[in-house]
Amino acid sequence: MGKVDSKWNKISKRTMKWHMFVGFPLKQIIPIQLFLLVVLEFINKYINENIKLFIVQSIIKLIVAYLLGIVIGRLEWSYLEKLNERKFCDIKNIRKSFISIYGILFWGLNTMIAIISPFFESTIAIITQIIIWPLAGLVWGIIMWCIYGSGFEKYIN
């Protein structure tokens, strides 16, 4: 699978720490968060109600998203390194890692951070979102695996 090789070659030109603290969080997580914050604020119009609250909430979301990006960056580095070195011997481990990293963490939790509004919602709504978005990420990861999984099976054989 050429995508694994090319992605590993691209990120391994720098150090793991660079990928964890700069590459993944600042190039993938933060731009998505900024886009979602702006779009969601225009839809919900919170920005017009209380600009200070919007700014505080946005800063908190960006900090949490950055920390999530560090975790995902570390996991992605290890995942791609193992794939590149053919250290995975079981397709189940590849599938589990793929769904966890790109489904639950990258899509589910990242979306949850952008959508959750702790200053405007009830505790029940927040708890519901904390449960629903990781589950939605799991479903997204499974769908993505169904699309790309056969390439990974060919890659390790």
Protein backbone atom coordinates (compact mmCIF):
# COMPACT_ATOMS: atom_id res chain seq x y z
CA MET A 1 0.00 0.00 0.00
CA GLY A 2 1.76 3.06 -1.25
CA LYS A 3 -0.10 5.45 1.03
CA VAL A 4 1.40 3.90 4.17
CA ASP A 5 4.91 4.11 2.72
CA SER A 6 4.52 7.67 1.50
CA LYS A 7 2.89 8.86 4.73
CA TRP A 8 5.59 7.21 6.84
CA ASN A 9 8.35 8.64 4.64
CA LYS A 10 6.81 12.09 4.97
CA ILE A 11 6.42 12.12 8.77
CA SER A 12 9.63 10.22 9.55
CA LYS A 13 11.73 12.99 7.98
CA ARG A 14 11.23 14.79 11.29
CA THR A 15 11.41 13.47 14.83
CA MET A 16 8.59 11.78 16.69
CA LYS A 17 8.43 14.72 19.11
CA TRP A 18 8.02 17.16 16.23
CA HIS A 19 5.16 15.07 14.85
CA MET A 20 3.56 14.84 18.31
CA PHE A 21 3.84 18.49 19.31
CA VAL A 22 3.84 20.34 15.99
CA GLY A 23 3.09 18.20 12.96
CA PHE A 24 -0.14 16.51 13.92
CA PRO A 25 -1.72 18.96 16.39
CA LEU A 26 -0.91 22.18 14.54
CA LYS A 27 -1.33 20.95 10.98
CA GLN A 28 -4.33 18.67 11.36
CA ILE A 29 -6.22 19.16 14.63
CA ILE A 30 -6.10 22.93 15.16
CA PRO A 31 -7.14 23.90 11.59
CA ILE A 32 -10.16 21.57 11.84
CA GLN A 33 -11.06 23.01 15.24
CA LEU A 34 -10.78 26.59 14.02
CA PHE A 35 -12.96 25.84 11.02
CA LEU A 36 -15.59 24.07 13.13
CA LEU A 37 -15.54 26.83 15.77
CA VAL A 38 -16.21 29.52 13.20
CA VAL A 39 -18.89 27.54 11.35
CA LEU A 40 -20.67 26.43 14.51
CA GLU A 41 -20.57 29.89 16.03
CA PHE A 42 -22.15 31.38 12.93
CA ILE A 43 -24.83 28.70 13.00
CA ASN A 44 -25.51 29.06 16.73
CA LYS A 45 -24.82 32.83 16.85
CA TYR A 46 -23.25 32.60 20.31
CA ILE A 47 -20.61 35.06 19.18
CA ASN A 48 -23.20 37.83 18.94
CA GLU A 49 -24.55 37.14 22.42
CA ASN A 50 -21.35 37.24 24.43
CA ILE A 51 -17.99 37.72 22.73
CA LYS A 52 -16.00 37.18 25.94
CA LEU A 53 -17.68 33.85 26.57
CA PHE A 54 -17.05 32.83 22.95
CA ILE A 55 -13.36 33.69 23.24
CA VAL A 56 -12.92 31.84 26.55
CA GLN A 57 -14.78 28.81 25.25
CA SER A 58 -12.76 28.81 22.01
CA ILE A 59 -9.43 29.03 23.84
CA ILE A 60 -10.40 26.12 26.10
CA LYS A 61 -11.49 24.05 23.10
CA LEU A 62 -8.27 24.78 21.22
CA ILE A 63 -6.12 23.81 24.23
CA VAL A 64 -8.03 20.56 24.70
CA ALA A 65 -7.85 19.86 20.96
CA TYR A 66 -4.09 20.50 20.97
CA LEU A 67 -3.64 18.01 23.83
CA LEU A 68 -5.75 15.48 21.93
CA GLY A 69 -3.55 16.13 18.89
CA ILE A 70 -0.44 15.27 20.90
CA VAL A 71 -1.96 11.93 21.90
CA ILE A 72 -3.12 11.13 18.37
CA GLY A 73 0.23 12.22 16.91
CA ARG A 74 2.09 9.81 19.20
CA LEU A 75 -0.29 6.96 18.41
CA GLU A 76 -0.17 7.64 14.67
CA TRP A 77 3.63 7.69 14.72
CA SER A 78 3.78 4.30 16.45
CA TYR A 79 1.08 2.86 14.21
CA LEU A 80 2.73 3.92 10.95
CA GLU A 81 6.16 2.87 12.22
CA LYS A 82 4.87 -0.62 13.03
CA LEU A 83 3.14 -0.84 9.67
CA ASN A 84 6.26 0.30 7.83
CA GLU A 85 8.47 -2.19 9.66
CA ARG A 86 5.87 -4.95 9.23
CA LYS A 87 5.66 -5.48 13.01
CA PHE A 88 1.92 -6.12 12.91
CA CYS A 89 1.35 -9.83 12.46
CA ASP A 90 -2.42 -9.78 12.79
CA ILE A 91 -4.90 -7.80 10.72
CA LYS A 92 -7.12 -7.50 13.83
CA ASN A 93 -4.46 -5.38 15.56
CA ILE A 94 -4.14 -3.16 12.50
CA ARG A 95 -7.92 -2.75 12.32
CA LYS A 96 -8.25 -2.01 16.04
CA SER A 97 -5.50 0.63 15.91
CA PHE A 98 -6.89 2.21 12.73
CA ILE A 99 -10.42 2.49 14.14
CA SER A 100 -9.16 3.81 17.49
CA ILE A 101 -6.83 6.45 16.03
CA TYR A 102 -8.70 7.70 12.98
CA GLY A 103 -12.28 6.92 14.01
CA ILE A 104 -12.73 7.36 17.75
CA LEU A 105 -9.94 9.82 18.54
CA PHE A 106 -9.45 11.86 15.38
CA TRP A 107 -13.04 12.04 14.19
CA GLY A 108 -15.18 11.30 17.26
CA LEU A 109 -13.40 13.15 20.07
CA ASN A 110 -12.22 15.95 17.82
CA THR A 111 -15.78 16.60 16.66
CA MET A 112 -17.05 16.34 20.24
CA ILE A 113 -14.61 19.02 21.37
CA ALA A 114 -15.81 21.36 18.63
CA ILE A 115 -19.51 20.75 19.17
CA ILE A 116 -19.83 20.53 22.93
CA SER A 117 -20.81 23.82 24.55
CA PRO A 118 -20.44 23.47 28.31
CA PHE A 119 -21.53 27.04 29.00
CA PHE A 120 -24.81 26.73 27.12
CA GLU A 121 -26.03 23.19 27.72
CA SER A 122 -27.37 21.12 30.55
CA THR A 123 -25.33 18.40 32.21
CA ILE A 124 -27.49 15.73 30.58
CA ALA A 125 -26.82 17.16 27.12
CA ILE A 126 -23.07 17.25 27.79
CA ILE A 127 -23.02 13.64 29.06
CA THR A 128 -25.07 12.55 26.05
CA GLN A 129 -22.55 14.17 23.70
CA ILE A 130 -19.64 12.61 25.57
CA ILE A 131 -21.21 9.21 24.90
CA ILE A 132 -22.56 9.79 21.40
CA TRP A 133 -19.54 11.35 19.65
CA PRO A 134 -17.01 8.61 20.48
CA LEU A 135 -19.61 6.03 19.38
CA ALA A 136 -20.13 7.98 16.16
CA GLY A 137 -16.34 7.98 15.75
CA LEU A 138 -16.33 4.20 16.20
CA VAL A 139 -18.91 3.86 13.43
CA TRP A 140 -16.93 6.27 11.23
CA GLY A 141 -13.73 4.28 11.87
CA ILE A 142 -15.46 1.02 10.93
CA ILE A 143 -16.81 2.57 7.72
CA MET A 144 -13.35 3.89 6.84
CA TRP A 145 -11.83 0.50 7.60
CA CYS A 146 -14.34 -1.15 5.26
CA ILE A 147 -13.20 1.23 2.52
CA TYR A 148 -9.43 1.06 3.12
CA GLY A 149 -8.93 -2.19 5.05
CA SER A 150 -8.22 -4.42 2.06
CA GLY A 151 -5.20 -2.27 1.23
CA PHE A 152 -3.76 -2.89 4.70
CA GLU A 153 -4.24 -6.65 4.34
CA LYS A 154 -2.30 -6.56 1.07
CA TYR A 155 0.35 -4.36 2.67
CA ILE A 156 1.26 -6.79 5.46
CA ASN A 157 1.30 -9.86 3.17
